[in-house]
PDB file of N, CA and C in Angstrom:
ATOM      1  N   MET A   1    -145.974  28.868   7.376  1.00  0.00           N
ATOM      2  CA  MET A   1    -145.248  27.275   7.178  1.00  0.00           C
ATOM      3  C   MET A   1    -144.521  26.372   7.261  1.00  0.00           C
ATOM      4  N   SER A   2    -145.075  25.531   7.901  1.00  0.00           N
ATOM      5  CA  SER A   2    -144.313  24.687   8.961  1.00  0.00           C
ATOM      6  C   SER A   2    -142.981  24.620   9.207  1.00  0.00           C
ATOM      7  N   GLN A   3    -141.693  24.354   9.601  1.00  0.00           N
ATOM      8  CA  GLN A   3    -140.099  23.829   9.453  1.00  0.00           C
ATOM      9  C   GLN A   3    -140.835  22.587   8.566  1.00  0.00           C
ATOM     10  N   LYS A   4    -141.573  21.594   9.125  1.00  0.00           N
ATOM     11  CA  LYS A   4    -140.928  20.149   8.153  1.00  0.00           C
ATOM     12  C   LYS A   4    -141.706  20.300   6.780  1.00  0.00           C
ATOM     13  N   VAL A   5    -142.486  21.653   7.155  1.00  0.00           N
ATOM     14  CA  VAL A   5    -142.987  21.694   5.104  1.00  0.00           C
ATOM     15  C   VAL A   5    -142.002  22.057   4.545  1.00  0.00           C
ATOM     16  N   VAL A   6    -141.613  22.936   4.593  1.00  0.00           N
ATOM     17  CA  VAL A   6    -140.491  23.734   4.128  1.00  0.00           C
ATOM     18  C   VAL A   6    -139.037  22.409   3.865  1.00  0.00           C
ATOM     19  N   ALA A   7    -138.631  22.489   4.996  1.00  0.00           N
ATOM     20  CA  ALA A   7    -138.000  21.221   4.949  1.00  0.00           C
ATOM     21  C   ALA A   7    -137.633  20.111   3.610  1.00  0.00           C
ATOM     22  N   ALA A   8    -139.302  19.306   4.116  1.00  0.00           N
ATOM     23  CA  ALA A   8    -139.219  18.750   2.898  1.00  0.00           C
ATOM     24  C   ALA A   8    -139.755  19.607   1.389  1.00  0.00           C
ATOM     25  N   GLU A   9    -139.393  20.441   1.037  1.00  0.00           N
ATOM     26  CA  GLU A   9    -139.615  21.477   0.123  1.00  0.00           C
ATOM     27  C   GLU A   9    -137.882  21.611  -0.295  1.00  0.00           C
ATOM     28  N   VAL A  10    -137.122  22.109   0.258  1.00  0.00           N
ATOM     29  CA  VAL A  10    -135.884  21.801  -0.151  1.00  0.00           C
ATOM     30  C   VAL A  10    -135.198  20.696  -0.114  1.00  0.00           C
ATOM     31  N   ASP A  11    -135.422  19.733   0.751  1.00  0.00           N
ATOM     32  CA  ASP A  11    -135.420  18.453  -0.137  1.00  0.00           C
ATOM     33  C   ASP A  11    -135.382  18.444  -0.961  1.00  0.00           C
ATOM     34  N   LEU A  12    -136.390  18.353  -1.665  1.00  0.00           N
ATOM     35  CA  LEU A  12    -137.035  17.916  -2.711  1.00  0.00           C
ATOM     36  C   LEU A  12    -136.107  18.677  -3.596  1.00  0.00           C
ATOM     37  N   GLU A  13    -136.254  20.075  -3.316  1.00  0.00           N
ATOM     38  CA  GLU A  13    -135.416  20.647  -4.549  1.00  0.00           C
ATOM     39  C   GLU A  13    -133.896  20.546  -5.033  1.00  0.00           C
ATOM     40  N   ARG A  14    -133.006  19.731  -3.797  1.00  0.00           N
ATOM     41  CA  ARG A  14    -132.052  19.262  -3.750  1.00  0.00           C
ATOM     42  C   ARG A  14    -132.119  17.824  -4.282  1.00  0.00           C
ATOM     43  N   LYS A  15    -133.031  17.052  -4.502  1.00  0.00           N
ATOM     44  CA  LYS A  15    -133.331  15.550  -5.361  1.00  0.00           C
ATOM     45  C   LYS A  15    -132.922  15.771  -6.792  1.00  0.00           C
ATOM     46  N   VAL A  16    -134.624  17.467  -7.384  1.00  0.00           N
ATOM     47  CA  VAL A  16    -134.251  17.099  -8.296  1.00  0.00           C
ATOM     48  C   VAL A  16    -133.297  18.170  -8.789  1.00  0.00           C
ATOM     49  N   LEU A  17    -132.237  18.979  -7.925  1.00  0.00           N
ATOM     50  CA  LEU A  17    -131.036  19.410  -9.223  1.00  0.00           C
ATOM     51  C   LEU A  17    -130.242  18.377  -8.731  1.00  0.00           C
ATOM     52  N   GLN A  18    -130.370  17.239  -7.911  1.00  0.00           N
ATOM     53  CA  GLN A  18    -128.792  16.548  -8.160  1.00  0.00           C
ATOM     54  C   GLN A  18    -129.150  15.272  -9.115  1.00  0.00           C
ATOM     55  N   VAL A  19    -130.424  15.193  -9.688  1.00  0.00           N
ATOM     56  CA  VAL A  19    -130.642  14.076 -10.748  1.00  0.00           C
ATOM     57  C   VAL A  19    -130.376  14.797 -12.434  1.00  0.00           C
ATOM     58  N   TYR A  20    -130.917  16.015 -11.641  1.00  0.00           N
ATOM     59  CA  TYR A  20    -130.534  17.305 -12.878  1.00  0.00           C
ATOM     60  C   TYR A  20    -128.979  17.512 -13.383  1.00  0.00           C
ATOM     61  N   GLY A  21    -127.969  17.178 -12.617  1.00  0.00           N
ATOM     62  CA  GLY A  21    -126.722  17.283 -12.895  1.00  0.00           C
ATOM     63  C   GLY A  21    -126.457  16.468 -12.790  1.00  0.00           C
ATOM     64  N   LEU A  22    -126.645  14.892 -12.391  1.00  0.00           N
ATOM     65  CA  LEU A  22    -126.199  14.033 -12.802  1.00  0.00           C
ATOM     66  C   LEU A  22    -126.402  12.905 -14.290  1.00  0.00           C
ATOM     67  N   LEU A  23    -127.477  14.037 -15.050  1.00  0.00           N
ATOM     68  CA  LEU A  23    -127.526  13.653 -16.307  1.00  0.00           C
ATOM     69  C   LEU A  23    -127.239  14.628 -17.540  1.00  0.00           C
ATOM     70  N   LYS A  24    -126.499  15.591 -16.802  1.00  0.00           N
ATOM     71  CA  LYS A  24    -125.685  16.325 -18.022  1.00  0.00           C
ATOM     72  C   LYS A  24    -124.530  15.786 -17.522  1.00  0.00           C
ATOM     73  N   GLU A  25    -124.160  15.442 -16.232  1.00  0.00           N
ATOM     74  CA  GLU A  25    -122.881  14.809 -16.104  1.00  0.00           C
ATOM     75  C   GLU A  25    -122.853  13.153 -17.269  1.00  0.00           C
ATOM     76  N   LEU A  26    -123.393  12.668 -17.432  1.00  0.00           N
ATOM     77  CA  LEU A  26    -124.233  11.239 -18.148  1.00  0.00           C
ATOM     78  C   LEU A  26    -123.500  12.093 -19.321  1.00  0.00           C
ATOM     79  N   ILE A  27    -124.480  12.503 -19.961  1.00  0.00           N
ATOM     80  CA  ILE A  27    -124.256  13.546 -21.829  1.00  0.00           C
ATOM     81  C   ILE A  27    -123.132  13.535 -21.971  1.00  0.00           C
ATOM     82  N   ARG A  28    -122.070  13.955 -20.568  1.00  0.00           N
ATOM     83  CA  ARG A  28    -120.815  14.379 -20.971  1.00  0.00           C
ATOM     84  C   ARG A  28    -119.998  13.360 -20.693  1.00  0.00           C
ATOM     85  N   GLU A  29    -120.001  12.026 -20.344  1.00  0.00           N
ATOM     86  CA  GLU A  29    -119.075  10.869 -20.128  1.00  0.00           C
ATOM     87  C   GLU A  29    -118.588  10.743 -21.512  1.00  0.00           C
ATOM     88  N   PRO A  30    -116.913  10.934 -21.101  1.00  0.00           N
ATOM     89  CA  PRO A  30    -116.751  10.234 -22.521  1.00  0.00           C
ATOM     90  C   PRO A  30    -116.714   8.690 -22.383  1.00  0.00           C
ATOM     91  N   GLY A  31    -116.646   7.965 -23.962  1.00  0.00           N
ATOM     92  CA  GLY A  31    -116.582   6.870 -24.078  1.00  0.00           C
ATOM     93  C   GLY A  31    -118.587   6.250 -23.739  1.00  0.00           C
ATOM     94  N   ALA A  32    -118.649   7.239 -23.231  1.00  0.00           N
ATOM     95  CA  ALA A  32    -120.316   6.209 -22.965  1.00  0.00           C
ATOM     96  C   ALA A  32    -121.288   6.025 -23.870  1.00  0.00           C
ATOM     97  N   PRO A  33    -121.778   4.376 -23.818  1.00  0.00           N
ATOM     98  CA  PRO A  33    -122.523   4.158 -25.262  1.00  0.00           C
ATOM     99  C   PRO A  33    -123.554   4.601 -25.861  1.00  0.00           C
ATOM    100  N   PRO A  34    -123.954   5.346 -26.841  1.00  0.00           N
ATOM    101  CA  PRO A  34    -124.894   5.780 -27.849  1.00  0.00           C
ATOM    102  C   PRO A  34    -126.695   5.794 -26.527  1.00  0.00           C
ATOM    103  N   CYS A  35    -126.666   4.273 -26.145  1.00  0.00           N
ATOM    104  CA  CYS A  35    -128.067   4.452 -25.870  1.00  0.00           C
ATOM    105  C   CYS A  35    -127.660   5.637 -24.358  1.00  0.00           C
ATOM    106  N   VAL A  36    -126.831   5.496 -23.512  1.00  0.00           N
ATOM    107  CA  VAL A  36    -126.232   5.860 -21.981  1.00  0.00           C
ATOM    108  C   VAL A  36    -126.818   7.957 -23.067  1.00  0.00           C
ATOM    109  N   THR A  37    -126.007   8.672 -24.030  1.00  0.00           N
ATOM    110  CA  THR A  37    -126.677   9.613 -23.986  1.00  0.00           C
ATOM    111  C   THR A  37    -127.488   9.987 -24.623  1.00  0.00           C
ATOM    112  N   CYS A  38    -128.042   9.025 -25.812  1.00  0.00           N
ATOM    113  CA  CYS A  38    -129.316   9.775 -26.059  1.00  0.00           C
ATOM    114  C   CYS A  38    -130.678   9.430 -25.068  1.00  0.00           C
ATOM    115  N   ASN A  39    -130.449   8.854 -24.228  1.00  0.00           N
ATOM    116  CA  ASN A  39    -131.680   8.858 -23.320  1.00  0.00           C
ATOM    117  C   ASN A  39    -131.749   9.250 -22.760  1.00  0.00           C
ATOM    118  N   SER A  40    -130.187   9.673 -21.854  1.00  0.00           N
ATOM    119  CA  SER A  40    -129.861  11.325 -21.039  1.00  0.00           C
ATOM    120  C   SER A  40    -130.377  12.028 -21.551  1.00  0.00           C
ATOM    121  N   ARG A  41    -130.248  12.790 -22.866  1.00  0.00           N
ATOM    122  CA  ARG A  41    -130.474  13.656 -23.300  1.00  0.00           C
ATOM    123  C   ARG A  41    -132.204  13.817 -23.135  1.00  0.00           C
ATOM    124  N   LYS A  42    -132.979  13.128 -23.289  1.00  0.00           N
ATOM    125  CA  LYS A  42    -134.599  13.123 -23.367  1.00  0.00           C
ATOM    126  C   LYS A  42    -134.790  13.011 -22.060  1.00  0.00           C
ATOM    127  N   ALA A  43    -134.340  12.147 -20.956  1.00  0.00           N
ATOM    128  CA  ALA A  43    -134.446  12.780 -19.709  1.00  0.00           C
ATOM    129  C   ALA A  43    -134.055  13.944 -18.849  1.00  0.00           C
ATOM    130  N   LEU A  44    -132.851  14.804 -19.261  1.00  0.00           N
ATOM    131  CA  LEU A  44    -132.802  15.644 -19.368  1.00  0.00           C
ATOM    132  C   LEU A  44    -134.025  16.763 -19.704  1.00  0.00           C
ATOM    133  N   ALA A  45    -134.215  16.591 -20.868  1.00  0.00           N
ATOM    134  CA  ALA A  45    -135.435  17.508 -21.094  1.00  0.00           C
ATOM    135  C   ALA A  45    -136.708  17.285 -20.471  1.00  0.00           C
ATOM    136  N   ALA A  46    -136.858  16.506 -20.176  1.00  0.00           N
ATOM    137  CA  ALA A  46    -138.131  16.397 -19.081  1.00  0.00           C
ATOM    138  C   ALA A  46    -137.535  17.083 -17.382  1.00  0.00           C
ATOM    139  N   VAL A  47    -136.819  16.771 -17.011  1.00  0.00           N
ATOM    140  CA  VAL A  47    -136.225  17.027 -15.973  1.00  0.00           C
ATOM    141  C   VAL A  47    -136.184  18.685 -15.763  1.00  0.00           C
ATOM    142  N   TRP A  48    -135.811  18.887 -16.946  1.00  0.00           N
ATOM    143  CA  TRP A  48    -135.346  20.482 -17.289  1.00  0.00           C
ATOM    144  C   TRP A  48    -136.847  21.075 -16.900  1.00  0.00           C
ATOM    145  N   GLN A  49    -138.371  20.983 -17.101  1.00  0.00           N
ATOM    146  CA  GLN A  49    -139.358  21.396 -16.843  1.00  0.00           C
ATOM    147  C   GLN A  49    -139.670  21.032 -15.901  1.00  0.00           C
ATOM    148  N   ILE A  50    -139.122  20.372 -14.922  1.00  0.00           N
ATOM    149  CA  ILE A  50    -139.407  20.296 -13.208  1.00  0.00           C
ATOM    150  C   ILE A  50    -138.360  21.372 -12.845  1.00  0.00           C
ATOM    151  N   VAL A  51    -137.368  21.336 -13.462  1.00  0.00           N
ATOM    152  CA  VAL A  51    -136.276  22.552 -12.741  1.00  0.00           C
ATOM    153  C   VAL A  51    -136.723  23.662 -12.755  1.00  0.00           C
ATOM    154  N   ASN A  52    -137.429  23.723 -14.259  1.00  0.00           N
ATOM    155  CA  ASN A  52    -137.843  25.397 -14.631  1.00  0.00           C
ATOM    156  C   ASN A  52    -139.057  25.821 -13.994  1.00  0.00           C
ATOM    157  N   ASP A  53    -139.998  24.749 -14.045  1.00  0.00           N
ATOM    158  CA  ASP A  53    -141.334  25.005 -13.450  1.00  0.00           C
ATOM    159  C   ASP A  53    -140.952  25.431 -11.940  1.00  0.00           C
ATOM    160  N   LEU A  54    -140.131  24.641 -11.353  1.00  0.00           N
ATOM    161  CA  LEU A  54    -139.804  25.425  -9.851  1.00  0.00           C
ATOM    162  C   LEU A  54    -139.056  26.478  -9.762  1.00  0.00           C
ATOM    163  N   ASP A  55    -138.864  26.993 -10.274  1.00  0.00           N
ATOM    164  CA  ASP A  55    -137.754  28.179 -10.476  1.00  0.00           C
ATOM    165  C   ASP A  55    -136.170  27.997 -10.165  1.00  0.00           C
ATOM    166  N   LEU A  56    -136.020  27.305 -10.367  1.00  0.00           N
ATOM    167  CA  LEU A  56    -134.729  26.763  -9.938  1.00  0.00           C
ATOM    168  C   LEU A  56    -133.672  26.840 -10.582  1.00  0.00           C
ATOM    169  N   VAL A  57    -133.149  26.595 -11.774  1.00  0.00           N
ATOM    170  CA  VAL A  57    -132.578  27.313 -12.699  1.00  0.00           C
ATOM    171  C   VAL A  57    -133.109  27.596 -13.972  1.00  0.00           C
ATOM    172  N   HIS A  58    -132.141  29.236 -14.484  1.00  0.00           N
ATOM    173  CA  HIS A  58    -132.659  29.260 -15.692  1.00  0.00           C
ATOM    174  C   HIS A  58    -131.696  29.006 -16.871  1.00  0.00           C
ATOM    175  N   GLU A  59    -131.211  27.758 -17.583  1.00  0.00           N
ATOM    176  CA  GLU A  59    -130.516  27.962 -18.631  1.00  0.00           C
ATOM    177  C   GLU A  59    -130.952  26.970 -19.970  1.00  0.00           C
ATOM    178  N   GLU A  60    -130.026  27.607 -21.140  1.00  0.00           N
ATOM    179  CA  GLU A  60    -130.686  26.600 -22.105  1.00  0.00           C
ATOM    180  C   GLU A  60    -129.675  25.260 -22.437  1.00  0.00           C
ATOM    181  N   LEU A  61    -130.359  24.652 -22.931  1.00  0.00           N
ATOM    182  CA  LEU A  61    -129.256  23.565 -22.722  1.00  0.00           C
ATOM    183  C   LEU A  61    -128.857  23.287 -24.416  1.00  0.00           C
ATOM    184  N   PHE A  62    -128.746  23.944 -24.780  1.00  0.00           N
ATOM    185  CA  PHE A  62    -128.088  23.555 -26.047  1.00  0.00           C
ATOM    186  C   PHE A  62    -126.822  22.796 -26.080  1.00  0.00           C
ATOM    187  N   GLU A  63    -126.365  23.086 -25.454  1.00  0.00           N
ATOM    188  CA  GLU A  63    -124.673  22.164 -25.290  1.00  0.00           C
ATOM    189  C   GLU A  63    -124.755  20.905 -24.904  1.00  0.00           C
ATOM    190  N   TYR A  64    -125.918  20.881 -24.444  1.00  0.00           N
ATOM    191  CA  TYR A  64    -125.992  19.381 -24.566  1.00  0.00           C
ATOM    192  C   TYR A  64    -127.274  17.678 -25.165  1.00  0.00           C
ATOM    193  N   GLY A  65    -126.980  19.030 -26.414  1.00  0.00           N
ATOM    194  CA  GLY A  65    -127.970  18.351 -27.494  1.00  0.00           C
ATOM    195  C   GLY A  65    -129.350  18.323 -27.199  1.00  0.00           C
ATOM    196  N   VAL A  66    -129.992  18.996 -26.275  1.00  0.00           N
ATOM    197  CA  VAL A  66    -131.026  18.929 -25.882  1.00  0.00           C
ATOM    198  C   VAL A  66    -131.893  20.162 -26.521  1.00  0.00           C
TER     199      VAL A  66
END
């Protein structure tokens, strides 16, 4: 595997984990409107599928209401 491919894969994984983390932060944001919280939960469930398929993080999302 070339270094460019590996670097691109690492960058992609970093971006996925960044989105995943930001969604978890939005869900816990105090005073956030319900539309932000509810839709962030839906998005987190979808992004969790990516994180799980790429075997980046293993965790249950019950504490986030997902």
